[in-house]
Amino acid sequence: MSLEKIKKIDKIEIVGDYKILQVREAIVVEENGVELSSSYHRCSFTPSDDVSSQPDEIKNIANLLWTDELKQKYADSLEIE
């Protein structure tokens, strides 16, 4: 009888003008290769977030989408008028 907990990113969505990344991680518990349970954890990242500690998949998408121009536009949108 062998229990295993598997975590993997199963969905990344790019949302809105500022290319917000919405990430879903699937968490599956298996016994001898048979799924016993599963759940999800969700988080999001904005152009002002530091994603350097995130998996390469997230870093690569962020680096591709979040240009300096986009980061500045996002920062400008946060300023209180």
C-alpha atoms as a PDB file:
ATOM      1  CA  MET A   1       0.000   0.000   0.000  1.00  0.00           C
ATOM      2  CA  SER A   2       1.717   3.129  -1.268  1.00  0.00           C
ATOM      3  CA  LEU A   3       0.228   6.604  -0.898  1.00  0.00           C
ATOM      4  CA  GLU A   4       1.441   9.392  -3.140  1.00  0.00           C
ATOM      5  CA  LYS A   5       0.549  13.085  -3.200  1.00  0.00           C
ATOM      6  CA  ILE A   6       0.993  14.661  -6.633  1.00  0.00           C
ATOM      7  CA  LYS A   7       0.914  18.405  -7.283  1.00  0.00           C
ATOM      8  CA  LYS A   8       0.901  19.846 -10.781  1.00  0.00           C
ATOM      9  CA  ILE A   9      -0.175  23.021 -12.516  1.00  0.00           C
ATOM     10  CA  ASP A  10      -3.110  22.020 -14.669  1.00  0.00           C
ATOM     11  CA  LYS A  11      -4.417  25.390 -15.838  1.00  0.00           C
ATOM     12  CA  ILE A  12      -2.996  28.844 -16.502  1.00  0.00           C
ATOM     13  CA  GLU A  13      -5.316  31.587 -17.721  1.00  0.00           C
ATOM     14  CA  ILE A  14      -4.306  35.033 -18.989  1.00  0.00           C
ATOM     15  CA  VAL A  15      -6.948  37.571 -18.024  1.00  0.00           C
ATOM     16  CA  GLY A  16      -7.615  41.195 -18.906  1.00  0.00           C
ATOM     17  CA  ASP A  17      -5.697  44.137 -20.296  1.00  0.00           C
ATOM     18  CA  TYR A  18      -2.862  43.704 -17.798  1.00  0.00           C
ATOM     19  CA  LYS A  19      -2.347  39.999 -18.514  1.00  0.00           C
ATOM     20  CA  ILE A  20      -3.087  38.768 -14.989  1.00  0.00           C
ATOM     21  CA  LEU A  21      -2.043  35.120 -14.640  1.00  0.00           C
ATOM     22  CA  GLN A  22      -4.558  32.882 -12.901  1.00  0.00           C
ATOM     23  CA  VAL A  23      -3.009  29.558 -11.963  1.00  0.00           C
ATOM     24  CA  ARG A  24      -4.719  26.373 -10.826  1.00  0.00           C
ATOM     25  CA  GLU A  25      -2.747  23.574  -9.214  1.00  0.00           C
ATOM     26  CA  ALA A  26      -4.257  20.108  -8.982  1.00  0.00           C
ATOM     27  CA  ILE A  27      -3.440  18.089  -5.868  1.00  0.00           C
ATOM     28  CA  VAL A  28      -4.111  14.375  -6.228  1.00  0.00           C
ATOM     29  CA  VAL A  29      -3.696  11.630  -3.615  1.00  0.00           C
ATOM     30  CA  GLU A  30      -3.188   8.185  -5.110  1.00  0.00           C
ATOM     31  CA  GLU A  31      -2.868   4.719  -3.613  1.00  0.00           C
ATOM     32  CA  ASN A  32      -1.108   2.201  -5.840  1.00  0.00           C
ATOM     33  CA  GLY A  33      -1.898   4.355  -8.885  1.00  0.00           C
ATOM     34  CA  VAL A  34      -5.608   4.730  -8.030  1.00  0.00           C
ATOM     35  CA  GLU A  35      -6.870   8.233  -7.302  1.00  0.00           C
ATOM     36  CA  LEU A  36      -8.351   8.500  -3.828  1.00  0.00           C
ATOM     37  CA  SER A  37      -8.989  12.230  -3.725  1.00  0.00           C
ATOM     38  CA  SER A  38      -8.244  15.458  -5.519  1.00  0.00           C
ATOM     39  CA  SER A  39      -8.463  19.146  -4.802  1.00  0.00           C
ATOM     40  CA  TYR A  40      -7.355  22.433  -6.326  1.00  0.00           C
ATOM     41  CA  HIS A  41      -5.384  25.426  -5.168  1.00  0.00           C
ATOM     42  CA  ARG A  42      -5.677  28.694  -7.063  1.00  0.00           C
ATOM     43  CA  CYS A  43      -3.559  31.829  -7.070  1.00  0.00           C
ATOM     44  CA  SER A  44      -3.007  34.788  -9.347  1.00  0.00           C
ATOM     45  CA  PHE A  45      -0.074  36.956 -10.339  1.00  0.00           C
ATOM     46  CA  THR A  46      -0.039  40.550 -11.544  1.00  0.00           C
ATOM     47  CA  PRO A  47       2.671  42.384 -13.512  1.00  0.00           C
ATOM     48  CA  SER A  48       3.915  43.904 -10.240  1.00  0.00           C
ATOM     49  CA  ASP A  49       4.492  40.477  -8.625  1.00  0.00           C
ATOM     50  CA  ASP A  50       7.877  38.798  -8.295  1.00  0.00           C
ATOM     51  CA  VAL A  51       7.496  35.364  -9.899  1.00  0.00           C
ATOM     52  CA  SER A  52      11.177  34.381  -9.647  1.00  0.00           C
ATOM     53  CA  SER A  53      10.403  31.637  -7.113  1.00  0.00           C
ATOM     54  CA  GLN A  54       7.569  30.167  -9.200  1.00  0.00           C
ATOM     55  CA  PRO A  55       7.872  27.170 -11.554  1.00  0.00           C
ATOM     56  CA  ASP A  56       9.511  27.809 -14.935  1.00  0.00           C
ATOM     57  CA  GLU A  57       6.161  27.469 -16.688  1.00  0.00           C
ATOM     58  CA  ILE A  58       4.820  30.538 -14.871  1.00  0.00           C
ATOM     59  CA  LYS A  59       8.081  32.501 -15.138  1.00  0.00           C
ATOM     60  CA  ASN A  60       8.291  31.912 -18.890  1.00  0.00           C
ATOM     61  CA  ILE A  61       4.744  33.128 -19.512  1.00  0.00           C
ATOM     62  CA  ALA A  62       5.221  36.174 -17.278  1.00  0.00           C
ATOM     63  CA  ASN A  63       8.489  37.089 -18.998  1.00  0.00           C
ATOM     64  CA  LEU A  64       6.839  36.787 -22.383  1.00  0.00           C
ATOM     65  CA  LEU A  65       3.741  38.856 -21.586  1.00  0.00           C
ATOM     66  CA  TRP A  66       4.852  41.385 -18.989  1.00  0.00           C
ATOM     67  CA  THR A  67       6.835  43.910 -20.974  1.00  0.00           C
ATOM     68  CA  ASP A  68       8.213  47.011 -19.262  1.00  0.00           C
ATOM     69  CA  GLU A  69       5.464  49.000 -20.989  1.00  0.00           C
ATOM     70  CA  LEU A  70       2.740  46.716 -19.615  1.00  0.00           C
ATOM     71  CA  LYS A  71       4.257  46.808 -16.124  1.00  0.00           C
ATOM     72  CA  GLN A  72       4.228  50.605 -16.216  1.00  0.00           C
ATOM     73  CA  LYS A  73       0.629  50.725 -17.440  1.00  0.00           C
ATOM     74  CA  TYR A  74      -0.378  48.381 -14.619  1.00  0.00           C
ATOM     75  CA  ALA A  75       1.470  50.479 -12.034  1.00  0.00           C
ATOM     76  CA  ASP A  76      -0.182  53.635 -13.390  1.00  0.00           C
ATOM     77  CA  SER A  77      -3.606  51.993 -13.061  1.00  0.00           C
ATOM     78  CA  LEU A  78      -2.993  51.443  -9.342  1.00  0.00           C
ATOM     79  CA  GLU A  79      -2.259  55.089  -8.563  1.00  0.00           C
ATOM     80  CA  ILE A  80      -4.951  56.863  -6.583  1.00  0.00           C
ATOM     81  CA  GLU A  81      -6.394  59.833  -8.411  1.00  0.00           C
END
